[in-house]
């Protein structure tokens, strides 16, 4: 079992996501990433002045935040796999 999450892992997972975005109010872009397993991550980006609102920029910022969450989630998932494996090994050794 590998012991690290790589940039390639995150890029591959990110490329498999489906994205939905919308503008809320006058200055907020909300993006939902639907991961291949159905889990959803929601992020947003806002500006101060509605005259400066740019949908594409908002989507780019929110997607970057989603990528950062993927690092956390994938790191947690890998750590959990190691933990479960250790628990199973400890149970076998005590049996």
PDB file of N, CA and C in Angstrom:
ATOM      1  N   UNK A   1       0.850  -1.177   0.000  1.00  0.00           N
ATOM      2  CA  UNK A   1       0.000   0.000   0.000  1.00  0.00           C
ATOM      3  C   UNK A   1       0.898   1.243   0.000  1.00  0.00           C
ATOM      4  N   UNK A   2       0.559   2.191  -0.850  1.00  0.00           N
ATOM      5  CA  UNK A   2       1.354   3.417  -0.902  1.00  0.00           C
ATOM      6  C   UNK A   2       1.151   4.217   0.382  1.00  0.00           C
ATOM      7  N   UNK A   3       2.128   5.053   0.697  1.00  0.00           N
ATOM      8  CA  UNK A   3       2.043   5.792   1.954  1.00  0.00           C
ATOM      9  C   UNK A   3       1.989   7.306   1.756  1.00  0.00           C
ATOM     10  N   UNK A   4       1.559   7.729   0.584  1.00  0.00           N
ATOM     11  CA  UNK A   4       1.469   9.171   0.330  1.00  0.00           C
ATOM     12  C   UNK A   4       0.391   9.463  -0.708  1.00  0.00           C
ATOM     13  N   UNK A   5      -0.131  10.656  -0.626  1.00  0.00           N
ATOM     14  CA  UNK A   5      -1.042  11.164  -1.647  1.00  0.00           C
ATOM     15  C   UNK A   5      -0.193  12.054  -2.550  1.00  0.00           C
ATOM     16  N   UNK A   6      -0.305  11.860  -3.838  1.00  0.00           N
ATOM     17  CA  UNK A   6       0.524  12.616  -4.781  1.00  0.00           C
ATOM     18  C   UNK A   6      -0.297  13.646  -5.551  1.00  0.00           C
ATOM     19  N   UNK A   7       0.416  14.567  -6.160  1.00  0.00           N
ATOM     20  CA  UNK A   7      -0.244  15.557  -7.017  1.00  0.00           C
ATOM     21  C   UNK A   7      -1.003  14.849  -8.141  1.00  0.00           C
ATOM     22  N   UNK A   8      -0.423  13.785  -8.655  1.00  0.00           N
ATOM     23  CA  UNK A   8      -1.080  13.018  -9.717  1.00  0.00           C
ATOM     24  C   UNK A   8      -2.398  12.421  -9.227  1.00  0.00           C
ATOM     25  N   UNK A   9      -2.418  11.935  -7.981  1.00  0.00           N
ATOM     26  CA  UNK A   9      -3.652  11.393  -7.400  1.00  0.00           C
ATOM     27  C   UNK A   9      -4.742  12.463  -7.369  1.00  0.00           C
ATOM     28  N   UNK A  10      -4.365  13.640  -6.889  1.00  0.00           N
ATOM     29  CA  UNK A  10      -5.339  14.729  -6.773  1.00  0.00           C
ATOM     30  C   UNK A  10      -5.802  15.186  -8.152  1.00  0.00           C
ATOM     31  N   UNK A  11      -4.869  15.328  -9.080  1.00  0.00           N
ATOM     32  CA  UNK A  11      -5.233  15.757 -10.435  1.00  0.00           C
ATOM     33  C   UNK A  11      -6.176  14.759 -11.099  1.00  0.00           C
ATOM     34  N   UNK A  12      -5.910  13.476 -10.911  1.00  0.00           N
ATOM     35  CA  UNK A  12      -6.765  12.437 -11.499  1.00  0.00           C
ATOM     36  C   UNK A  12      -8.171  12.486 -10.892  1.00  0.00           C
ATOM     37  N   UNK A  13      -8.238  12.575  -9.581  1.00  0.00           N
ATOM     38  CA  UNK A  13      -9.540  12.648  -8.923  1.00  0.00           C
ATOM     39  C   UNK A  13     -10.286  13.910  -9.345  1.00  0.00           C
ATOM     40  N   UNK A  14      -9.600  15.033  -9.373  1.00  0.00           N
ATOM     41  CA  UNK A  14     -10.210  16.299  -9.770  1.00  0.00           C
ATOM     42  C   UNK A  14     -10.761  16.222 -11.192  1.00  0.00           C
ATOM     43  N   UNK A  15     -10.024  15.555 -12.080  1.00  0.00           N
ATOM     44  CA  UNK A  15     -10.464  15.448 -13.477  1.00  0.00           C
ATOM     45  C   UNK A  15     -11.718  14.593 -13.624  1.00  0.00           C
ATOM     46  N   UNK A  16     -11.988  13.753 -12.633  1.00  0.00           N
ATOM     47  CA  UNK A  16     -13.167  12.879 -12.675  1.00  0.00           C
ATOM     48  C   UNK A  16     -14.398  13.519 -12.035  1.00  0.00           C
ATOM     49  N   UNK A  17     -14.216  14.683 -11.431  1.00  0.00           N
ATOM     50  CA  UNK A  17     -15.333  15.371 -10.790  1.00  0.00           C
ATOM     51  C   UNK A  17     -16.247  16.002 -11.825  1.00  0.00           C
ATOM     52  N   UNK A  18     -17.509  16.092 -11.474  1.00  0.00           N
ATOM     53  CA  UNK A  18     -18.465  16.867 -12.252  1.00  0.00           C
ATOM     54  C   UNK A  18     -18.708  18.139 -11.463  1.00  0.00           C
ATOM     55  N   UNK A  19     -18.785  19.262 -12.156  1.00  0.00           N
ATOM     56  CA  UNK A  19     -18.916  20.555 -11.488  1.00  0.00           C
ATOM     57  C   UNK A  19     -20.216  21.235 -11.869  1.00  0.00           C
ATOM     58  N   UNK A  20     -20.807  21.864 -10.879  1.00  0.00           N
ATOM     59  CA  UNK A  20     -21.967  22.723 -11.093  1.00  0.00           C
ATOM     60  C   UNK A  20     -21.635  24.055 -10.444  1.00  0.00           C
ATOM     61  N   UNK A  21     -21.977  25.144 -11.110  1.00  0.00           N
ATOM     62  CA  UNK A  21     -21.711  26.454 -10.523  1.00  0.00           C
ATOM     63  C   UNK A  21     -22.896  27.375 -10.748  1.00  0.00           C
ATOM     64  N   UNK A  22     -23.000  28.329  -9.850  1.00  0.00           N
ATOM     65  CA  UNK A  22     -24.079  29.298  -9.958  1.00  0.00           C
ATOM     66  C   UNK A  22     -23.649  30.603  -9.298  1.00  0.00           C
ATOM     67  N   UNK A  23     -24.310  31.654  -9.673  1.00  0.00           N
ATOM     68  CA  UNK A  23     -24.104  32.951  -9.043  1.00  0.00           C
ATOM     69  C   UNK A  23     -25.207  33.140  -8.021  1.00  0.00           C
ATOM     70  N   UNK A  24     -24.821  33.476  -6.796  1.00  0.00           N
ATOM     71  CA  UNK A  24     -25.800  33.783  -5.751  1.00  0.00           C
ATOM     72  C   UNK A  24     -25.704  35.256  -5.413  1.00  0.00           C
ATOM     73  N   UNK A  25     -26.828  35.888  -5.291  1.00  0.00           N
ATOM     74  CA  UNK A  25     -26.814  37.317  -5.023  1.00  0.00           C
ATOM     75  C   UNK A  25     -26.176  38.056  -6.181  1.00  0.00           C
ATOM     76  N   UNK A  26     -25.456  39.121  -5.853  1.00  0.00           N
ATOM     77  CA  UNK A  26     -24.830  39.949  -6.889  1.00  0.00           C
ATOM     78  C   UNK A  26     -23.334  39.760  -7.006  1.00  0.00           C
ATOM     79  N   UNK A  27     -22.726  38.959  -6.075  1.00  0.00           N
ATOM     80  CA  UNK A  27     -21.273  38.913  -6.077  1.00  0.00           C
ATOM     81  C   UNK A  27     -20.661  37.635  -5.532  1.00  0.00           C
ATOM     82  N   UNK A  28     -21.413  36.542  -5.545  1.00  0.00           N
ATOM     83  CA  UNK A  28     -20.896  35.280  -5.026  1.00  0.00           C
ATOM     84  C   UNK A  28     -21.064  34.164  -6.041  1.00  0.00           C
ATOM     85  N   UNK A  29     -19.985  33.458  -6.278  1.00  0.00           N
ATOM     86  CA  UNK A  29     -19.986  32.286  -7.142  1.00  0.00           C
ATOM     87  C   UNK A  29     -19.883  31.050  -6.249  1.00  0.00           C
ATOM     88  N   UNK A  30     -20.763  30.091  -6.449  1.00  0.00           N
ATOM     89  CA  UNK A  30     -20.753  28.844  -5.684  1.00  0.00           C
ATOM     90  C   UNK A  30     -20.497  27.694  -6.658  1.00  0.00           C
ATOM     91  N   UNK A  31     -19.568  26.827  -6.285  1.00  0.00           N
ATOM     92  CA  UNK A  31     -19.227  25.675  -7.113  1.00  0.00           C
ATOM     93  C   UNK A  31     -19.385  24.409  -6.274  1.00  0.00           C
ATOM     94  N   UNK A  32     -20.057  23.435  -6.841  1.00  0.00           N
ATOM     95  CA  UNK A  32     -20.180  22.121  -6.221  1.00  0.00           C
ATOM     96  C   UNK A  32     -19.426  21.126  -7.095  1.00  0.00           C
ATOM     97  N   UNK A  33     -18.525  20.381  -6.462  1.00  0.00           N
ATOM     98  CA  UNK A  33     -17.823  19.295  -7.150  1.00  0.00           C
ATOM     99  C   UNK A  33     -18.460  17.994  -6.711  1.00  0.00           C
ATOM    100  N   UNK A  34     -18.865  17.197  -7.670  1.00  0.00           N
ATOM    101  CA  UNK A  34     -19.442  15.889  -7.386  1.00  0.00           C
ATOM    102  C   UNK A  34     -18.368  14.862  -7.709  1.00  0.00           C
ATOM    103  N   UNK A  35     -17.849  14.225  -6.660  1.00  0.00           N
ATOM    104  CA  UNK A  35     -16.775  13.260  -6.825  1.00  0.00           C
ATOM    105  C   UNK A  35     -17.312  11.971  -7.429  1.00  0.00           C
ATOM    106  N   UNK A  36     -16.428  11.140  -7.982  1.00  0.00           N
ATOM    107  CA  UNK A  36     -16.881   9.899  -8.620  1.00  0.00           C
ATOM    108  C   UNK A  36     -17.716   9.000  -7.699  1.00  0.00           C
ATOM    109  N   UNK A  37     -17.463   9.046  -6.388  1.00  0.00           N
ATOM    110  CA  UNK A  37     -18.219   8.208  -5.461  1.00  0.00           C
ATOM    111  C   UNK A  37     -19.519   8.856  -5.001  1.00  0.00           C
ATOM    112  N   UNK A  38     -19.820  10.061  -5.508  1.00  0.00           N
ATOM    113  CA  UNK A  38     -21.059  10.748  -5.174  1.00  0.00           C
ATOM    114  C   UNK A  38     -20.920  11.787  -4.072  1.00  0.00           C
ATOM    115  N   UNK A  39     -19.786  11.808  -3.366  1.00  0.00           N
ATOM    116  CA  UNK A  39     -19.563  12.815  -2.332  1.00  0.00           C
ATOM    117  C   UNK A  39     -19.494  14.190  -2.986  1.00  0.00           C
ATOM    118  N   UNK A  40     -20.000  15.196  -2.313  1.00  0.00           N
ATOM    119  CA  UNK A  40     -20.023  16.539  -2.874  1.00  0.00           C
ATOM    120  C   UNK A  40     -19.231  17.500  -2.000  1.00  0.00           C
ATOM    121  N   UNK A  41     -18.464  18.362  -2.654  1.00  0.00           N
ATOM    122  CA  UNK A  41     -17.726  19.418  -1.985  1.00  0.00           C
ATOM    123  C   UNK A  41     -18.231  20.740  -2.543  1.00  0.00           C
ATOM    124  N   UNK A  42     -18.561  21.669  -1.653  1.00  0.00           N
ATOM    125  CA  UNK A  42     -19.077  22.970  -2.062  1.00  0.00           C
ATOM    126  C   UNK A  42     -18.125  24.064  -1.590  1.00  0.00           C
ATOM    127  N   UNK A  43     -17.779  24.960  -2.485  1.00  0.00           N
ATOM    128  CA  UNK A  43     -16.931  26.111  -2.163  1.00  0.00           C
ATOM    129  C   UNK A  43     -17.492  27.344  -2.852  1.00  0.00           C
ATOM    130  N   UNK A  44     -17.071  28.497  -2.359  1.00  0.00           N
ATOM    131  CA  UNK A  44     -17.557  29.745  -2.948  1.00  0.00           C
ATOM    132  C   UNK A  44     -16.438  30.778  -3.010  1.00  0.00           C
ATOM    133  N   UNK A  45     -16.693  31.807  -3.785  1.00  0.00           N
ATOM    134  CA  UNK A  45     -15.805  32.957  -3.879  1.00  0.00           C
ATOM    135  C   UNK A  45     -16.679  34.184  -4.093  1.00  0.00           C
ATOM    136  N   UNK A  46     -16.320  35.257  -3.423  1.00  0.00           N
ATOM    137  CA  UNK A  46     -17.095  36.496  -3.520  1.00  0.00           C
ATOM    138  C   UNK A  46     -16.180  37.682  -3.763  1.00  0.00           C
ATOM    139  N   UNK A  47     -16.762  38.744  -4.253  1.00  0.00           N
ATOM    140  CA  UNK A  47     -16.028  39.999  -4.399  1.00  0.00           C
ATOM    141  C   UNK A  47     -16.733  41.060  -3.556  1.00  0.00           C
ATOM    142  N   UNK A  48     -16.076  42.186  -3.367  1.00  0.00           N
ATOM    143  CA  UNK A  48     -16.642  43.265  -2.554  1.00  0.00           C
ATOM    144  C   UNK A  48     -17.646  44.088  -3.359  1.00  0.00           C
ATOM    145  N   UNK A  49     -17.260  44.429  -4.553  1.00  0.00           N
ATOM    146  CA  UNK A  49     -18.082  45.297  -5.394  1.00  0.00           C
ATOM    147  C   UNK A  49     -18.701  44.468  -6.520  1.00  0.00           C
ATOM    148  N   UNK A  50     -20.028  44.422  -6.613  1.00  0.00           N
ATOM    149  CA  UNK A  50     -20.661  43.641  -7.674  1.00  0.00           C
ATOM    150  C   UNK A  50     -20.169  44.016  -9.082  1.00  0.00           C
ATOM    151  N   UNK A  51     -19.694  45.224  -9.263  1.00  0.00           N
ATOM    152  CA  UNK A  51     -19.179  45.636 -10.574  1.00  0.00           C
ATOM    153  C   UNK A  51     -17.925  44.850 -10.944  1.00  0.00           C
ATOM    154  N   UNK A  52     -17.254  44.277  -9.942  1.00  0.00           N
ATOM    155  CA  UNK A  52     -16.034  43.509 -10.188  1.00  0.00           C
ATOM    156  C   UNK A  52     -16.289  42.008 -10.338  1.00  0.00           C
ATOM    157  N   UNK A  53     -17.552  41.594 -10.253  1.00  0.00           N
ATOM    158  CA  UNK A  53     -17.857  40.158 -10.299  1.00  0.00           C
ATOM    159  C   UNK A  53     -17.448  39.562 -11.643  1.00  0.00           C
ATOM    160  N   UNK A  54     -16.769  38.413 -11.558  1.00  0.00           N
ATOM    161  CA  UNK A  54     -16.349  37.689 -12.747  1.00  0.00           C
ATOM    162  C   UNK A  54     -16.604  36.208 -12.489  1.00  0.00           C
ATOM    163  N   UNK A  55     -17.560  35.632 -13.184  1.00  0.00           N
ATOM    164  CA  UNK A  55     -17.960  34.248 -12.958  1.00  0.00           C
ATOM    165  C   UNK A  55     -16.775  33.284 -13.104  1.00  0.00           C
ATOM    166  N   UNK A  56     -15.996  33.437 -14.158  1.00  0.00           N
ATOM    167  CA  UNK A  56     -14.878  32.526 -14.403  1.00  0.00           C
ATOM    168  C   UNK A  56     -13.842  32.611 -13.283  1.00  0.00           C
ATOM    169  N   UNK A  57     -13.564  33.820 -12.849  1.00  0.00           N
ATOM    170  CA  UNK A  57     -12.601  33.989 -11.760  1.00  0.00           C
ATOM    171  C   UNK A  57     -13.126  33.337 -10.480  1.00  0.00           C
ATOM    172  N   UNK A  58     -14.400  33.534 -10.215  1.00  0.00           N
ATOM    173  CA  UNK A  58     -15.022  32.917  -9.043  1.00  0.00           C
ATOM    174  C   UNK A  58     -14.948  31.399  -9.105  1.00  0.00           C
ATOM    175  N   UNK A  59     -15.229  30.843 -10.277  1.00  0.00           N
ATOM    176  CA  UNK A  59     -15.154  29.392 -10.443  1.00  0.00           C
ATOM    177  C   UNK A  59     -13.727  28.895 -10.239  1.00  0.00           C
ATOM    178  N   UNK A  60     -12.758  29.608 -10.787  1.00  0.00           N
ATOM    179  CA  UNK A  60     -11.352  29.208 -10.643  1.00  0.00           C
ATOM    180  C   UNK A  60     -10.928  29.203  -9.173  1.00  0.00           C
ATOM    181  N   UNK A  61     -11.316  30.232  -8.444  1.00  0.00           N
ATOM    182  CA  UNK A  61     -10.957  30.318  -7.019  1.00  0.00           C
ATOM    183  C   UNK A  61     -11.632  29.195  -6.238  1.00  0.00           C
ATOM    184  N   UNK A  62     -12.921  28.985  -6.474  1.00  0.00           N
ATOM    185  CA  UNK A  62     -13.653  27.935  -5.753  1.00  0.00           C
ATOM    186  C   UNK A  62     -13.087  26.553  -6.086  1.00  0.00           C
ATOM    187  N   UNK A  63     -12.734  26.315  -7.336  1.00  0.00           N
ATOM    188  CA  UNK A  63     -12.174  25.014  -7.724  1.00  0.00           C
ATOM    189  C   UNK A  63     -10.812  24.791  -7.080  1.00  0.00           C
ATOM    190  N   UNK A  64     -10.030  25.826  -6.938  1.00  0.00           N
ATOM    191  CA  UNK A  64      -8.736  25.689  -6.246  1.00  0.00           C
ATOM    192  C   UNK A  64      -8.967  25.320  -4.784  1.00  0.00           C
ATOM    193  N   UNK A  65      -9.968  25.901  -4.174  1.00  0.00           N
ATOM    194  CA  UNK A  65     -10.315  25.547  -2.795  1.00  0.00           C
ATOM    195  C   UNK A  65     -10.794  24.100  -2.709  1.00  0.00           C
ATOM    196  N   UNK A  66     -11.523  23.659  -3.716  1.00  0.00           N
ATOM    197  CA  UNK A  66     -11.970  22.264  -3.757  1.00  0.00           C
ATOM    198  C   UNK A  66     -10.765  21.338  -3.866  1.00  0.00           C
ATOM    199  N   UNK A  67      -9.800  21.681  -4.700  1.00  0.00           N
ATOM    200  CA  UNK A  67      -8.582  20.870  -4.806  1.00  0.00           C
ATOM    201  C   UNK A  67      -7.880  20.762  -3.460  1.00  0.00           C
ATOM    202  N   UNK A  68      -7.819  21.864  -2.726  1.00  0.00           N
ATOM    203  CA  UNK A  68      -7.194  21.825  -1.402  1.00  0.00           C
ATOM    204  C   UNK A  68      -7.943  20.892  -0.461  1.00  0.00           C
ATOM    205  N   UNK A  69      -9.264  20.870  -0.549  1.00  0.00           N
ATOM    206  CA  UNK A  69     -10.047  19.950   0.286  1.00  0.00           C
ATOM    207  C   UNK A  69      -9.796  18.503  -0.115  1.00  0.00           C
ATOM    208  N   UNK A  70      -9.597  18.274  -1.410  1.00  0.00           N
ATOM    209  CA  UNK A  70      -9.294  16.916  -1.859  1.00  0.00           C
ATOM    210  C   UNK A  70      -8.019  16.396  -1.202  1.00  0.00           C
ATOM    211  N   UNK A  71      -7.018  17.249  -1.066  1.00  0.00           N
ATOM    212  CA  UNK A  71      -5.778  16.852  -0.373  1.00  0.00           C
ATOM    213  C   UNK A  71      -6.104  16.378   1.040  1.00  0.00           C
ATOM    214  N   UNK A  72      -6.915  17.151   1.749  1.00  0.00           N
ATOM    215  CA  UNK A  72      -7.272  16.788   3.120  1.00  0.00           C
ATOM    216  C   UNK A  72      -8.056  15.476   3.162  1.00  0.00           C
ATOM    217  N   UNK A  73      -9.037  15.363   2.292  1.00  0.00           N
ATOM    218  CA  UNK A  73      -9.882  14.170   2.295  1.00  0.00           C
ATOM    219  C   UNK A  73      -9.105  12.918   1.900  1.00  0.00           C
ATOM    220  N   UNK A  74      -8.262  13.034   0.902  1.00  0.00           N
ATOM    221  CA  UNK A  74      -7.476  11.880   0.465  1.00  0.00           C
ATOM    222  C   UNK A  74      -6.423  11.507   1.510  1.00  0.00           C
ATOM    223  N   UNK A  75      -5.854  12.512   2.164  1.00  0.00           N
ATOM    224  CA  UNK A  75      -4.915  12.236   3.247  1.00  0.00           C
ATOM    225  C   UNK A  75      -5.600  11.521   4.392  1.00  0.00           C
ATOM    226  N   UNK A  76      -6.770  11.977   4.761  1.00  0.00           N
ATOM    227  CA  UNK A  76      -7.540  11.316   5.816  1.00  0.00           C
ATOM    228  C   UNK A  76      -7.870   9.876   5.423  1.00  0.00           C
ATOM    229  N   UNK A  77      -8.317   9.695   4.205  1.00  0.00           N
ATOM    230  CA  UNK A  77      -8.692   8.364   3.737  1.00  0.00           C
ATOM    231  C   UNK A  77      -7.505   7.400   3.789  1.00  0.00           C
ATOM    232  N   UNK A  78      -6.348   7.858   3.351  1.00  0.00           N
ATOM    233  CA  UNK A  78      -5.156   7.009   3.387  1.00  0.00           C
ATOM    234  C   UNK A  78      -4.776   6.687   4.828  1.00  0.00           C
ATOM    235  N   UNK A  79      -4.816   7.686   5.706  1.00  0.00           N
ATOM    236  CA  UNK A  79      -4.496   7.455   7.115  1.00  0.00           C
ATOM    237  C   UNK A  79      -5.472   6.455   7.727  1.00  0.00           C
ATOM    238  N   UNK A  80      -6.739   6.559   7.383  1.00  0.00           N
ATOM    239  CA  UNK A  80      -7.754   5.642   7.899  1.00  0.00           C
ATOM    240  C   UNK A  80      -7.478   4.213   7.438  1.00  0.00           C
ATOM    241  N   UNK A  81      -7.042   4.051   6.201  1.00  0.00           N
ATOM    242  CA  UNK A  81      -6.692   2.717   5.702  1.00  0.00           C
ATOM    243  C   UNK A  81      -5.559   2.109   6.514  1.00  0.00           C
ATOM    244  N   UNK A  82      -4.534   2.906   6.812  1.00  0.00           N
ATOM    245  CA  UNK A  82      -3.430   2.420   7.633  1.00  0.00           C
ATOM    246  C   UNK A  82      -3.911   2.062   9.032  1.00  0.00           C
ATOM    247  N   UNK A  83      -4.768   2.882   9.596  1.00  0.00           N
ATOM    248  CA  UNK A  83      -5.292   2.640  10.937  1.00  0.00           C
ATOM    249  C   UNK A  83      -6.092   1.341  10.987  1.00  0.00           C
ATOM    250  N   UNK A  84      -6.958   1.134  10.030  1.00  0.00           N
ATOM    251  CA  UNK A  84      -7.768  -0.085   9.990  1.00  0.00           C
ATOM    252  C   UNK A  84      -6.874  -1.302   9.840  1.00  0.00           C
ATOM    253  N   UNK A  85      -5.885  -1.200   8.976  1.00  0.00           N
ATOM    254  CA  UNK A  85      -4.962  -2.322   8.789  1.00  0.00           C
ATOM    255  C   UNK A  85      -4.219  -2.632  10.083  1.00  0.00           C
ATOM    256  N   UNK A  86      -3.766  -1.609  10.784  1.00  0.00           N
ATOM    257  CA  UNK A  86      -3.077  -1.811  12.060  1.00  0.00           C
ATOM    258  C   UNK A  86      -3.988  -2.455  13.090  1.00  0.00           C
ATOM    259  N   UNK A  87      -5.244  -2.025  13.131  1.00  0.00           N
ATOM    260  CA  UNK A  87      -6.205  -2.592  14.081  1.00  0.00           C
ATOM    261  C   UNK A  87      -6.464  -4.066  13.784  1.00  0.00           C
ATOM    262  N   UNK A  88      -6.595  -4.396  12.508  1.00  0.00           N
ATOM    263  CA  UNK A  88      -6.805  -5.796  12.120  1.00  0.00           C
ATOM    264  C   UNK A  88      -5.600  -6.635  12.491  1.00  0.00           C
ATOM    265  N   UNK A  89      -4.388  -6.124  12.252  1.00  0.00           N
ATOM    266  CA  UNK A  89      -3.171  -6.857  12.600  1.00  0.00           C
ATOM    267  C   UNK A  89      -3.075  -7.056  14.106  1.00  0.00           C
ATOM    268  N   UNK A  90      -3.423  -6.049  14.881  1.00  0.00           N
ATOM    269  CA  UNK A  90      -3.379  -6.156  16.348  1.00  0.00           C
ATOM    270  C   UNK A  90      -4.389  -7.181  16.836  1.00  0.00           C
ATOM    271  N   UNK A  91      -5.555  -7.213  16.224  1.00  0.00           N
ATOM    272  CA  UNK A  91      -6.586  -8.179  16.616  1.00  0.00           C
ATOM    273  C   UNK A  91      -6.122  -9.600  16.315  1.00  0.00           C
ATOM    274  N   UNK A  92      -5.500  -9.801  15.148  1.00  0.00           N
ATOM    275  CA  UNK A  92      -4.985 -11.128  14.791  1.00  0.00           C
ATOM    276  C   UNK A  92      -3.907 -11.581  15.742  1.00  0.00           C
ATOM    277  N   UNK A  93      -3.033 -10.670  16.146  1.00  0.00           N
ATOM    278  CA  UNK A  93      -1.936 -11.004  17.035  1.00  0.00           C
ATOM    279  C   UNK A  93      -2.430 -11.344  18.440  1.00  0.00           C
ATOM    280  N   UNK A  94      -3.538 -10.760  18.831  1.00  0.00           N
ATOM    281  CA  UNK A  94      -4.097 -11.019  20.163  1.00  0.00           C
ATOM    282  C   UNK A  94      -5.031 -12.218  20.189  1.00  0.00           C
ATOM    283  N   UNK A  95      -5.304 -12.787  19.029  1.00  0.00           N
ATOM    284  CA  UNK A  95      -6.220 -13.948  18.966  1.00  0.00           C
ATOM    285  C   UNK A  95      -5.491 -15.245  19.200  1.00  0.00           C
TER     286      UNK A  95
END
